[in-house]
Amino acid sequence: MREDRQLIVLTHLSQLITLVIGFGSLILPLILWATNKERVYEMDDHGKSIVNFQLSILIYSLICIPLILLLGLGILGLIVLGIISFVFPIVNAIKASNGEKPSYPMSIQFIK
């Protein structure tokens, strides 16, 4: 195994691809994680946390959609989710470049 912090940072930042093309925040990190988890040191831990975070954001977004009808609470939830999904990949990319473990809030552990 080799240590490649730049690839781990790129994997965290790849979640932001949605801002550019409108989708891919789960697909691109999943591909990077799946192809490099055996070759790059700590990629497995970072990849699992990224995929868990993106799946959690997807579920929370699906919950917010029907809540739009309930006094617009869903819109507020979607705005908060948008901010969280923008800020935390950047924060965790900085942590990864310093060799720290990632921490995503409200992340459901689908993959352990």
PDB file of N, CA and C in Angstrom:
ATOM      1  N   MET A   1       0.843  -1.193   0.000  1.00  0.00           N
ATOM      2  CA  MET A   1       0.000   0.000   0.000  1.00  0.00           C
ATOM      3  C   MET A   1       0.878   1.243   0.000  1.00  0.00           C
ATOM      4  N   ARG A   2       0.399   2.238  -0.669  1.00  0.00           N
ATOM      5  CA  ARG A   2       1.123   3.508  -0.703  1.00  0.00           C
ATOM      6  C   ARG A   2       0.277   4.592  -0.036  1.00  0.00           C
ATOM      7  N   GLU A   3       0.941   5.594   0.452  1.00  0.00           N
ATOM      8  CA  GLU A   3       0.226   6.710   1.059  1.00  0.00           C
ATOM      9  C   GLU A   3       0.061   7.803   0.006  1.00  0.00           C
ATOM     10  N   ASP A   4      -1.173   8.205  -0.220  1.00  0.00           N
ATOM     11  CA  ASP A   4      -1.460   9.209  -1.244  1.00  0.00           C
ATOM     12  C   ASP A   4      -2.530  10.158  -0.706  1.00  0.00           C
ATOM     13  N   ARG A   5      -2.090  11.147   0.043  1.00  0.00           N
ATOM     14  CA  ARG A   5      -3.037  12.104   0.631  1.00  0.00           C
ATOM     15  C   ARG A   5      -3.728  12.944  -0.436  1.00  0.00           C
ATOM     16  N   GLN A   6      -3.034  13.217  -1.526  1.00  0.00           N
ATOM     17  CA  GLN A   6      -3.641  14.033  -2.580  1.00  0.00           C
ATOM     18  C   GLN A   6      -4.852  13.335  -3.193  1.00  0.00           C
ATOM     19  N   LEU A   7      -4.776  12.025  -3.373  1.00  0.00           N
ATOM     20  CA  LEU A   7      -5.905  11.289  -3.917  1.00  0.00           C
ATOM     21  C   LEU A   7      -7.061  11.265  -2.921  1.00  0.00           C
ATOM     22  N   ILE A   8      -6.758  11.150  -1.644  1.00  0.00           N
ATOM     23  CA  ILE A   8      -7.807  11.170  -0.623  1.00  0.00           C
ATOM     24  C   ILE A   8      -8.471  12.541  -0.584  1.00  0.00           C
ATOM     25  N   VAL A   9      -7.681  13.602  -0.667  1.00  0.00           N
ATOM     26  CA  VAL A   9      -8.238  14.960  -0.712  1.00  0.00           C
ATOM     27  C   VAL A   9      -9.107  15.118  -1.954  1.00  0.00           C
ATOM     28  N   LEU A  10      -8.643  14.627  -3.085  1.00  0.00           N
ATOM     29  CA  LEU A  10      -9.417  14.690  -4.325  1.00  0.00           C
ATOM     30  C   LEU A  10     -10.718  13.910  -4.197  1.00  0.00           C
ATOM     31  N   THR A  11     -10.691  12.794  -3.484  1.00  0.00           N
ATOM     32  CA  THR A  11     -11.907  12.006  -3.293  1.00  0.00           C
ATOM     33  C   THR A  11     -12.928  12.788  -2.472  1.00  0.00           C
ATOM     34  N   HIS A  12     -12.464  13.483  -1.429  1.00  0.00           N
ATOM     35  CA  HIS A  12     -13.381  14.319  -0.645  1.00  0.00           C
ATOM     36  C   HIS A  12     -13.947  15.458  -1.498  1.00  0.00           C
ATOM     37  N   LEU A  13     -13.086  16.094  -2.267  1.00  0.00           N
ATOM     38  CA  LEU A  13     -13.534  17.232  -3.087  1.00  0.00           C
ATOM     39  C   LEU A  13     -14.370  16.788  -4.289  1.00  0.00           C
ATOM     40  N   SER A  14     -14.281  15.525  -4.673  1.00  0.00           N
ATOM     41  CA  SER A  14     -15.067  15.050  -5.818  1.00  0.00           C
ATOM     42  C   SER A  14     -16.559  15.071  -5.526  1.00  0.00           C
ATOM     43  N   GLN A  15     -16.932  15.179  -4.257  1.00  0.00           N
ATOM     44  CA  GLN A  15     -18.352  15.292  -3.919  1.00  0.00           C
ATOM     45  C   GLN A  15     -18.947  16.593  -4.442  1.00  0.00           C
ATOM     46  N   LEU A  16     -18.108  17.575  -4.679  1.00  0.00           N
ATOM     47  CA  LEU A  16     -18.569  18.887  -5.137  1.00  0.00           C
ATOM     48  C   LEU A  16     -18.829  18.922  -6.647  1.00  0.00           C
ATOM     49  N   ILE A  17     -18.662  17.794  -7.327  1.00  0.00           N
ATOM     50  CA  ILE A  17     -18.914  17.729  -8.770  1.00  0.00           C
ATOM     51  C   ILE A  17     -20.360  18.073  -9.087  1.00  0.00           C
ATOM     52  N   THR A  18     -21.241  17.878  -8.119  1.00  0.00           N
ATOM     53  CA  THR A  18     -22.658  18.197  -8.310  1.00  0.00           C
ATOM     54  C   THR A  18     -22.846  19.672  -8.625  1.00  0.00           C
ATOM     55  N   LEU A  19     -22.012  20.527  -8.069  1.00  0.00           N
ATOM     56  CA  LEU A  19     -22.123  21.964  -8.329  1.00  0.00           C
ATOM     57  C   LEU A  19     -21.804  22.306  -9.776  1.00  0.00           C
ATOM     58  N   VAL A  20     -21.019  21.454 -10.423  1.00  0.00           N
ATOM     59  CA  VAL A  20     -20.600  21.722 -11.792  1.00  0.00           C
ATOM     60  C   VAL A  20     -21.548  21.081 -12.808  1.00  0.00           C
ATOM     61  N   ILE A  21     -21.843  19.789 -12.629  1.00  0.00           N
ATOM     62  CA  ILE A  21     -22.637  19.091 -13.644  1.00  0.00           C
ATOM     63  C   ILE A  21     -24.026  18.676 -13.165  1.00  0.00           C
ATOM     64  N   GLY A  22     -24.337  18.888 -11.884  1.00  0.00           N
ATOM     65  CA  GLY A  22     -25.679  18.620 -11.392  1.00  0.00           C
ATOM     66  C   GLY A  22     -25.900  17.246 -10.784  1.00  0.00           C
ATOM     67  N   PHE A  23     -24.958  16.343 -10.935  1.00  0.00           N
ATOM     68  CA  PHE A  23     -25.075  15.018 -10.328  1.00  0.00           C
ATOM     69  C   PHE A  23     -23.665  14.450 -10.163  1.00  0.00           C
ATOM     70  N   GLY A  24     -23.567  13.306  -9.518  1.00  0.00           N
ATOM     71  CA  GLY A  24     -22.274  12.644  -9.416  1.00  0.00           C
ATOM     72  C   GLY A  24     -21.627  12.714  -8.054  1.00  0.00           C
ATOM     73  N   SER A  25     -22.287  13.346  -7.086  1.00  0.00           N
ATOM     74  CA  SER A  25     -21.657  13.489  -5.778  1.00  0.00           C
ATOM     75  C   SER A  25     -21.516  12.156  -5.059  1.00  0.00           C
ATOM     76  N   LEU A  26     -22.249  11.148  -5.464  1.00  0.00           N
ATOM     77  CA  LEU A  26     -22.089   9.807  -4.917  1.00  0.00           C
ATOM     78  C   LEU A  26     -21.286   8.923  -5.869  1.00  0.00           C
ATOM     79  N   ILE A  27     -21.502   9.081  -7.146  1.00  0.00           N
ATOM     80  CA  ILE A  27     -20.907   8.183  -8.132  1.00  0.00           C
ATOM     81  C   ILE A  27     -19.386   8.343  -8.229  1.00  0.00           C
ATOM     82  N   LEU A  28     -18.903   9.561  -8.358  1.00  0.00           N
ATOM     83  CA  LEU A  28     -17.470   9.781  -8.531  1.00  0.00           C
ATOM     84  C   LEU A  28     -16.652   9.358  -7.306  1.00  0.00           C
ATOM     85  N   PRO A  29     -17.033   9.751  -6.073  1.00  0.00           N
ATOM     86  CA  PRO A  29     -16.266   9.259  -4.920  1.00  0.00           C
ATOM     87  C   PRO A  29     -16.350   7.736  -4.763  1.00  0.00           C
ATOM     88  N   LEU A  30     -17.496   7.160  -5.128  1.00  0.00           N
ATOM     89  CA  LEU A  30     -17.653   5.710  -5.041  1.00  0.00           C
ATOM     90  C   LEU A  30     -16.688   5.007  -5.990  1.00  0.00           C
ATOM     91  N   ILE A  31     -16.535   5.530  -7.186  1.00  0.00           N
ATOM     92  CA  ILE A  31     -15.603   4.945  -8.162  1.00  0.00           C
ATOM     93  C   ILE A  31     -14.162   5.095  -7.674  1.00  0.00           C
ATOM     94  N   LEU A  32     -13.812   6.291  -7.183  1.00  0.00           N
ATOM     95  CA  LEU A  32     -12.450   6.510  -6.685  1.00  0.00           C
ATOM     96  C   LEU A  32     -12.145   5.599  -5.501  1.00  0.00           C
ATOM     97  N   TRP A  33     -13.102   5.452  -4.596  1.00  0.00           N
ATOM     98  CA  TRP A  33     -12.905   4.597  -3.430  1.00  0.00           C
ATOM     99  C   TRP A  33     -12.772   3.128  -3.838  1.00  0.00           C
ATOM    100  N   ALA A  34     -13.684   2.663  -4.689  1.00  0.00           N
ATOM    101  CA  ALA A  34     -13.694   1.244  -5.072  1.00  0.00           C
ATOM    102  C   ALA A  34     -12.433   0.837  -5.828  1.00  0.00           C
ATOM    103  N   THR A  35     -11.896   1.731  -6.632  1.00  0.00           N
ATOM    104  CA  THR A  35     -10.719   1.379  -7.426  1.00  0.00           C
ATOM    105  C   THR A  35      -9.413   1.533  -6.656  1.00  0.00           C
ATOM    106  N   ASN A  36      -9.414   2.289  -5.560  1.00  0.00           N
ATOM    107  CA  ASN A  36      -8.156   2.554  -4.859  1.00  0.00           C
ATOM    108  C   ASN A  36      -8.111   2.095  -3.410  1.00  0.00           C
ATOM    109  N   LYS A  37      -9.174   1.483  -2.900  1.00  0.00           N
ATOM    110  CA  LYS A  37      -9.197   1.130  -1.484  1.00  0.00           C
ATOM    111  C   LYS A  37      -8.170   0.068  -1.119  1.00  0.00           C
ATOM    112  N   GLU A  38      -7.769  -0.758  -2.061  1.00  0.00           N
ATOM    113  CA  GLU A  38      -6.761  -1.792  -1.805  1.00  0.00           C
ATOM    114  C   GLU A  38      -5.338  -1.277  -1.997  1.00  0.00           C
ATOM    115  N   ARG A  39      -5.199  -0.158  -2.698  1.00  0.00           N
ATOM    116  CA  ARG A  39      -3.869   0.333  -3.052  1.00  0.00           C
ATOM    117  C   ARG A  39      -3.388   1.511  -2.224  1.00  0.00           C
ATOM    118  N   VAL A  40      -4.317   2.317  -1.713  1.00  0.00           N
ATOM    119  CA  VAL A  40      -3.939   3.553  -1.010  1.00  0.00           C
ATOM    120  C   VAL A  40      -4.254   3.410   0.473  1.00  0.00           C
ATOM    121  N   TYR A  41      -3.268   3.725   1.304  1.00  0.00           N
ATOM    122  CA  TYR A  41      -3.404   3.657   2.751  1.00  0.00           C
ATOM    123  C   TYR A  41      -4.469   4.650   3.227  1.00  0.00           C
ATOM    124  N   GLU A  42      -5.393   4.198   4.052  1.00  0.00           N
ATOM    125  CA  GLU A  42      -6.503   4.953   4.639  1.00  0.00           C
ATOM    126  C   GLU A  42      -7.607   5.333   3.652  1.00  0.00           C
ATOM    127  N   MET A  43      -7.516   4.924   2.403  1.00  0.00           N
ATOM    128  CA  MET A  43      -8.568   5.234   1.439  1.00  0.00           C
ATOM    129  C   MET A  43      -9.870   4.534   1.809  1.00  0.00           C
ATOM    130  N   ASP A  44      -9.768   3.342   2.389  1.00  0.00           N
ATOM    131  CA  ASP A  44     -10.972   2.593   2.734  1.00  0.00           C
ATOM    132  C   ASP A  44     -11.791   3.335   3.791  1.00  0.00           C
ATOM    133  N   ASP A  45     -11.148   3.847   4.820  1.00  0.00           N
ATOM    134  CA  ASP A  45     -11.865   4.592   5.868  1.00  0.00           C
ATOM    135  C   ASP A  45     -12.487   5.872   5.328  1.00  0.00           C
ATOM    136  N   HIS A  46     -11.727   6.619   4.565  1.00  0.00           N
ATOM    137  CA  HIS A  46     -12.234   7.865   3.997  1.00  0.00           C
ATOM    138  C   HIS A  46     -13.367   7.595   3.004  1.00  0.00           C
ATOM    139  N   GLY A  47     -13.191   6.595   2.165  1.00  0.00           N
ATOM    140  CA  GLY A  47     -14.217   6.266   1.172  1.00  0.00           C
ATOM    141  C   GLY A  47     -15.521   5.841   1.809  1.00  0.00           C
ATOM    142  N   LYS A  48     -15.437   5.029   2.862  1.00  0.00           N
ATOM    143  CA  LYS A  48     -16.650   4.595   3.564  1.00  0.00           C
ATOM    144  C   LYS A  48     -17.380   5.788   4.166  1.00  0.00           C
ATOM    145  N   SER A  49     -16.634   6.695   4.770  1.00  0.00           N
ATOM    146  CA  SER A  49     -17.294   7.861   5.380  1.00  0.00           C
ATOM    147  C   SER A  49     -17.925   8.761   4.322  1.00  0.00           C
ATOM    148  N   ILE A  50     -17.291   8.897   3.164  1.00  0.00           N
ATOM    149  CA  ILE A  50     -17.848   9.715   2.090  1.00  0.00           C
ATOM    150  C   ILE A  50     -19.125   9.081   1.534  1.00  0.00           C
ATOM    151  N   VAL A  51     -19.093   7.788   1.270  1.00  0.00           N
ATOM    152  CA  VAL A  51     -20.267   7.109   0.719  1.00  0.00           C
ATOM    153  C   VAL A  51     -21.411   7.132   1.731  1.00  0.00           C
ATOM    154  N   ASN A  52     -21.109   6.890   3.002  1.00  0.00           N
ATOM    155  CA  ASN A  52     -22.142   6.962   4.039  1.00  0.00           C
ATOM    156  C   ASN A  52     -22.750   8.360   4.114  1.00  0.00           C
ATOM    157  N   PHE A  53     -21.915   9.385   4.018  1.00  0.00           N
ATOM    158  CA  PHE A  53     -22.400  10.761   4.062  1.00  0.00           C
ATOM    159  C   PHE A  53     -23.295  11.063   2.868  1.00  0.00           C
ATOM    160  N   GLN A  54     -22.887  10.663   1.686  1.00  0.00           N
ATOM    161  CA  GLN A  54     -23.674  10.954   0.486  1.00  0.00           C
ATOM    162  C   GLN A  54     -24.996  10.192   0.483  1.00  0.00           C
ATOM    163  N   LEU A  55     -24.985   8.949   0.944  1.00  0.00           N
ATOM    164  CA  LEU A  55     -26.240   8.201   1.050  1.00  0.00           C
ATOM    165  C   LEU A  55     -27.166   8.836   2.087  1.00  0.00           C
ATOM    166  N   SER A  56     -26.598   9.313   3.183  1.00  0.00           N
ATOM    167  CA  SER A  56     -27.391   9.987   4.217  1.00  0.00           C
ATOM    168  C   SER A  56     -28.009  11.268   3.680  1.00  0.00           C
ATOM    169  N   ILE A  57     -27.232  12.056   2.951  1.00  0.00           N
ATOM    170  CA  ILE A  57     -27.746  13.295   2.354  1.00  0.00           C
ATOM    171  C   ILE A  57     -28.884  12.981   1.383  1.00  0.00           C
ATOM    172  N   LEU A  58     -28.745  11.918   0.602  1.00  0.00           N
ATOM    173  CA  LEU A  58     -29.791  11.502  -0.329  1.00  0.00           C
ATOM    174  C   LEU A  58     -31.079  11.150   0.415  1.00  0.00           C
ATOM    175  N   ILE A  59     -30.965  10.401   1.485  1.00  0.00           N
ATOM    176  CA  ILE A  59     -32.149  10.016   2.263  1.00  0.00           C
ATOM    177  C   ILE A  59     -32.786  11.238   2.913  1.00  0.00           C
ATOM    178  N   TYR A  60     -31.977  12.109   3.495  1.00  0.00           N
ATOM    179  CA  TYR A  60     -32.523  13.321   4.118  1.00  0.00           C
ATOM    180  C   TYR A  60     -33.208  14.215   3.085  1.00  0.00           C
ATOM    181  N   SER A  61     -32.665  14.264   1.888  1.00  0.00           N
ATOM    182  CA  SER A  61     -33.296  15.056   0.827  1.00  0.00           C
ATOM    183  C   SER A  61     -34.649  14.471   0.437  1.00  0.00           C
ATOM    184  N   LEU A  62     -34.717  13.156   0.345  1.00  0.00           N
ATOM    185  CA  LEU A  62     -35.988  12.509   0.018  1.00  0.00           C
ATOM    186  C   LEU A  62     -37.024  12.720   1.125  1.00  0.00           C
ATOM    187  N   ILE A  63     -36.576  12.819   2.360  1.00  0.00           N
ATOM    188  CA  ILE A  63     -37.493  13.108   3.465  1.00  0.00           C
ATOM    189  C   ILE A  63     -37.989  14.550   3.395  1.00  0.00           C
ATOM    190  N   CYS A  64     -37.141  15.462   2.958  1.00  0.00           N
ATOM    191  CA  CYS A  64     -37.512  16.879   2.888  1.00  0.00           C
ATOM    192  C   CYS A  64     -38.532  17.181   1.799  1.00  0.00           C
ATOM    193  N   ILE A  65     -38.570  16.384   0.758  1.00  0.00           N
ATOM    194  CA  ILE A  65     -39.477  16.666  -0.357  1.00  0.00           C
ATOM    195  C   ILE A  65     -40.938  16.694   0.074  1.00  0.00           C
ATOM    196  N   PRO A  66     -41.459  15.671   0.795  1.00  0.00           N
ATOM    197  CA  PRO A  66     -42.859  15.777   1.231  1.00  0.00           C
ATOM    198  C   PRO A  66     -43.070  16.850   2.298  1.00  0.00           C
ATOM    199  N   LEU A  67     -42.013  17.213   3.018  1.00  0.00           N
ATOM    200  CA  LEU A  67     -42.138  18.248   4.048  1.00  0.00           C
ATOM    201  C   LEU A  67     -42.317  19.644   3.465  1.00  0.00           C
ATOM    202  N   ILE A  68     -42.116  19.798   2.165  1.00  0.00           N
ATOM    203  CA  ILE A  68     -42.346  21.090   1.520  1.00  0.00           C
ATOM    204  C   ILE A  68     -43.809  21.492   1.663  1.00  0.00           C
ATOM    205  N   LEU A  69     -44.682  20.514   1.626  1.00  0.00           N
ATOM    206  CA  LEU A  69     -46.110  20.794   1.765  1.00  0.00           C
ATOM    207  C   LEU A  69     -46.479  21.216   3.187  1.00  0.00           C
ATOM    208  N   LEU A  70     -45.646  20.877   4.156  1.00  0.00           N
ATOM    209  CA  LEU A  70     -45.912  21.192   5.554  1.00  0.00           C
ATOM    210  C   LEU A  70     -45.203  22.495   5.921  1.00  0.00           C
ATOM    211  N   LEU A  71     -45.850  23.612   5.632  1.00  0.00           N
ATOM    212  CA  LEU A  71     -45.350  24.946   5.983  1.00  0.00           C
ATOM    213  C   LEU A  71     -43.970  25.265   5.412  1.00  0.00           C
ATOM    214  N   GLY A  72     -43.594  24.597   4.363  1.00  0.00           N
ATOM    215  CA  GLY A  72     -42.321  24.894   3.717  1.00  0.00           C
ATOM    216  C   GLY A  72     -41.105  24.430   4.479  1.00  0.00           C
ATOM    217  N   LEU A  73     -41.298  23.539   5.466  1.00  0.00           N
ATOM    218  CA  LEU A  73     -40.155  23.058   6.243  1.00  0.00           C
ATOM    219  C   LEU A  73     -39.165  22.283   5.383  1.00  0.00           C
ATOM    220  N   GLY A  74     -39.654  21.662   4.341  1.00  0.00           N
ATOM    221  CA  GLY A  74     -38.783  20.914   3.444  1.00  0.00           C
ATOM    222  C   GLY A  74     -37.811  21.811   2.709  1.00  0.00           C
ATOM    223  N   ILE A  75     -38.255  23.004   2.355  1.00  0.00           N
ATOM    224  CA  ILE A  75     -37.358  23.950   1.667  1.00  0.00           C
ATOM    225  C   ILE A  75     -36.226  24.359   2.593  1.00  0.00           C
ATOM    226  N   LEU A  76     -36.573  24.643   3.848  1.00  0.00           N
ATOM    227  CA  LEU A  76     -35.546  24.988   4.837  1.00  0.00           C
ATOM    228  C   LEU A  76     -34.583  23.817   5.023  1.00  0.00           C
ATOM    229  N   GLY A  77     -35.117  22.596   5.088  1.00  0.00           N
ATOM    230  CA  GLY A  77     -34.272  21.411   5.225  1.00  0.00           C
ATOM    231  C   GLY A  77     -33.348  21.223   4.041  1.00  0.00           C
ATOM    232  N   LEU A  78     -33.859  21.448   2.837  1.00  0.00           N
ATOM    233  CA  LEU A  78     -33.025  21.315   1.640  1.00  0.00           C
ATOM    234  C   LEU A  78     -31.923  22.369   1.598  1.00  0.00           C
ATOM    235  N   ILE A  79     -32.220  23.574   2.068  1.00  0.00           N
ATOM    236  CA  ILE A  79     -31.197  24.621   2.118  1.00  0.00           C
ATOM    237  C   ILE A  79     -30.089  24.240   3.093  1.00  0.00           C
ATOM    238  N   VAL A  80     -30.492  23.759   4.275  1.00  0.00           N
ATOM    239  CA  VAL A  80     -29.505  23.325   5.279  1.00  0.00           C
ATOM    240  C   VAL A  80     -28.679  22.161   4.743  1.00  0.00           C
ATOM    241  N   LEU A  81     -29.311  21.192   4.090  1.00  0.00           N
ATOM    242  CA  LEU A  81     -28.581  20.073   3.509  1.00  0.00           C
ATOM    243  C   LEU A  81     -27.614  20.531   2.419  1.00  0.00           C
ATOM    244  N   GLY A  82     -28.027  21.520   1.633  1.00  0.00           N
ATOM    245  CA  GLY A  82     -27.142  22.062   0.605  1.00  0.00           C
ATOM    246  C   GLY A  82     -25.899  22.701   1.202  1.00  0.00           C
ATOM    247  N   ILE A  83     -26.083  23.435   2.289  1.00  0.00           N
ATOM    248  CA  ILE A  83     -24.938  24.070   2.949  1.00  0.00           C
ATOM    249  C   ILE A  83     -24.014  23.014   3.546  1.00  0.00           C
ATOM    250  N   ILE A  84     -24.610  22.019   4.222  1.00  0.00           N
ATOM    251  CA  ILE A  84     -23.814  20.959   4.827  1.00  0.00           C
ATOM    252  C   ILE A  84     -23.050  20.169   3.770  1.00  0.00           C
ATOM    253  N   SER A  85     -23.713  19.867   2.651  1.00  0.00           N
ATOM    254  CA  SER A  85     -23.056  19.079   1.609  1.00  0.00           C
ATOM    255  C   SER A  85     -22.011  19.879   0.837  1.00  0.00           C
ATOM    256  N   PHE A  86     -21.978  21.176   1.020  1.00  0.00           N
ATOM    257  CA  PHE A  86     -20.932  21.998   0.412  1.00  0.00           C
ATOM    258  C   PHE A  86     -19.763  22.197   1.377  1.00  0.00           C
ATOM    259  N   VAL A  87     -20.058  22.451   2.636  1.00  0.00           N
ATOM    260  CA  VAL A  87     -19.022  22.807   3.603  1.00  0.00           C
ATOM    261  C   VAL A  87     -18.200  21.603   4.055  1.00  0.00           C
ATOM    262  N   PHE A  88     -18.852  20.498   4.407  1.00  0.00           N
ATOM    263  CA  PHE A  88     -18.136  19.391   5.018  1.00  0.00           C
ATOM    264  C   PHE A  88     -17.185  18.636   4.100  1.00  0.00           C
ATOM    265  N   PRO A  89     -17.439  18.518   2.810  1.00  0.00           N
ATOM    266  CA  PRO A  89     -16.391  17.937   1.962  1.00  0.00           C
ATOM    267  C   PRO A  89     -15.116  18.793   1.952  1.00  0.00           C
ATOM    268  N   ILE A  90     -15.262  20.102   1.990  1.00  0.00           N
ATOM    269  CA  ILE A  90     -14.091  20.973   2.009  1.00  0.00           C
ATOM    270  C   ILE A  90     -13.356  20.843   3.333  1.00  0.00           C
ATOM    271  N   VAL A  91     -14.103  20.861   4.448  1.00  0.00           N
ATOM    272  CA  VAL A  91     -13.495  20.722   5.776  1.00  0.00           C
ATOM    273  C   VAL A  91     -12.756  19.388   5.885  1.00  0.00           C
ATOM    274  N   ASN A  92     -13.388  18.312   5.418  1.00  0.00           N
ATOM    275  CA  ASN A  92     -12.754  16.998   5.521  1.00  0.00           C
ATOM    276  C   ASN A  92     -11.617  16.816   4.526  1.00  0.00           C
ATOM    277  N   ALA A  93     -11.619  17.528   3.431  1.00  0.00           N
ATOM    278  CA  ALA A  93     -10.470  17.504   2.523  1.00  0.00           C
ATOM    279  C   ALA A  93      -9.265  18.150   3.202  1.00  0.00           C
ATOM    280  N   ILE A  94      -9.496  19.228   3.929  1.00  0.00           N
ATOM    281  CA  ILE A  94      -8.410  19.876   4.675  1.00  0.00           C
ATOM    282  C   ILE A  94      -7.900  18.947   5.764  1.00  0.00           C
ATOM    283  N   LYS A  95      -8.830  18.294   6.476  1.00  0.00           N
ATOM    284  CA  LYS A  95      -8.427  17.326   7.503  1.00  0.00           C
ATOM    285  C   LYS A  95      -7.621  16.181   6.888  1.00  0.00           C
ATOM    286  N   ALA A  96      -8.049  15.697   5.738  1.00  0.00           N
ATOM    287  CA  ALA A  96      -7.342  14.590   5.080  1.00  0.00           C
ATOM    288  C   ALA A  96      -5.939  15.007   4.659  1.00  0.00           C
ATOM    289  N   SER A  97      -5.784  16.241   4.226  1.00  0.00           N
ATOM    290  CA  SER A  97      -4.448  16.692   3.834  1.00  0.00           C
ATOM    291  C   SER A  97      -3.515  16.804   5.035  1.00  0.00           C
ATOM    292  N   ASN A  98      -4.097  16.970   6.228  1.00  0.00           N
ATOM    293  CA  ASN A  98      -3.302  17.010   7.457  1.00  0.00           C
ATOM    294  C   ASN A  98      -3.164  15.643   8.111  1.00  0.00           C
ATOM    295  N   GLY A  99      -3.728  14.605   7.505  1.00  0.00           N
ATOM    296  CA  GLY A  99      -3.619  13.260   8.026  1.00  0.00           C
ATOM    297  C   GLY A  99      -4.633  12.917   9.102  1.00  0.00           C
ATOM    298  N   GLU A 100      -5.689  13.714   9.240  1.00  0.00           N
ATOM    299  CA  GLU A 100      -6.710  13.469  10.258  1.00  0.00           C
ATOM    300  C   GLU A 100      -7.832  12.616   9.692  1.00  0.00           C
ATOM    301  N   LYS A 101      -8.626  12.035  10.599  1.00  0.00           N
ATOM    302  CA  LYS A 101      -9.779  11.230  10.207  1.00  0.00           C
ATOM    303  C   LYS A 101     -10.942  12.144   9.816  1.00  0.00           C
ATOM    304  N   PRO A 102     -11.748  11.751   8.834  1.00  0.00           N
ATOM    305  CA  PRO A 102     -12.900  12.569   8.441  1.00  0.00           C
ATOM    306  C   PRO A 102     -14.040  12.440   9.446  1.00  0.00           C
ATOM    307  N   SER A 103     -14.831  13.487   9.547  1.00  0.00           N
ATOM    308  CA  SER A 103     -16.021  13.427  10.399  1.00  0.00           C
ATOM    309  C   SER A 103     -17.151  14.175   9.695  1.00  0.00           C
ATOM    310  N   TYR A 104     -18.144  13.422   9.285  1.00  0.00           N
ATOM    311  CA  TYR A 104     -19.314  13.996   8.626  1.00  0.00           C
ATOM    312  C   TYR A 104     -20.485  13.959   9.596  1.00  0.00           C
ATOM    313  N   PRO A 105     -21.198  15.077   9.758  1.00  0.00           N
ATOM    314  CA  PRO A 105     -22.326  15.099  10.697  1.00  0.00           C
ATOM    315  C   PRO A 105     -23.534  14.366  10.136  1.00  0.00           C
ATOM    316  N   MET A 106     -24.350  13.863  11.020  1.00  0.00           N
ATOM    317  CA  MET A 106     -25.625  13.223  10.648  1.00  0.00           C
ATOM    318  C   MET A 106     -25.452  12.091   9.650  1.00  0.00           C
ATOM    319  N   SER A 107     -24.310  11.469   9.636  1.00  0.00           N
ATOM    320  CA  SER A 107     -24.032  10.412   8.674  1.00  0.00           C
ATOM    321  C   SER A 107     -24.479   9.060   9.239  1.00  0.00           C
ATOM    322  N   ILE A 108     -25.341   8.380   8.513  1.00  0.00           N
ATOM    323  CA  ILE A 108     -25.808   7.054   8.897  1.00  0.00           C
ATOM    324  C   ILE A 108     -24.767   6.037   8.406  1.00  0.00           C
ATOM    325  N   GLN A 109     -24.407   5.123   9.262  1.00  0.00           N
ATOM    326  CA  GLN A 109     -23.367   4.131   8.917  1.00  0.00           C
ATOM    327  C   GLN A 109     -23.958   2.962   8.143  1.00  0.00           C
ATOM    328  N   PHE A 110     -24.067   3.108   6.830  1.00  0.00           N
ATOM    329  CA  PHE A 110     -24.536   2.032   5.965  1.00  0.00           C
ATOM    330  C   PHE A 110     -23.423   1.015   5.741  1.00  0.00           C
ATOM    331  N   ILE A 111     -22.225   1.517   5.501  1.00  0.00           N
ATOM    332  CA  ILE A 111     -21.052   0.680   5.244  1.00  0.00           C
ATOM    333  C   ILE A 111     -20.124   0.815   6.448  1.00  0.00           C
ATOM    334  N   LYS A 112     -19.781  -0.296   7.039  1.00  0.00           N
ATOM    335  CA  LYS A 112     -18.933  -0.253   8.247  1.00  0.00           C
ATOM    336  C   LYS A 112     -17.557  -0.760   7.962  1.00  0.00           C
TER     337      LYS A 112
END
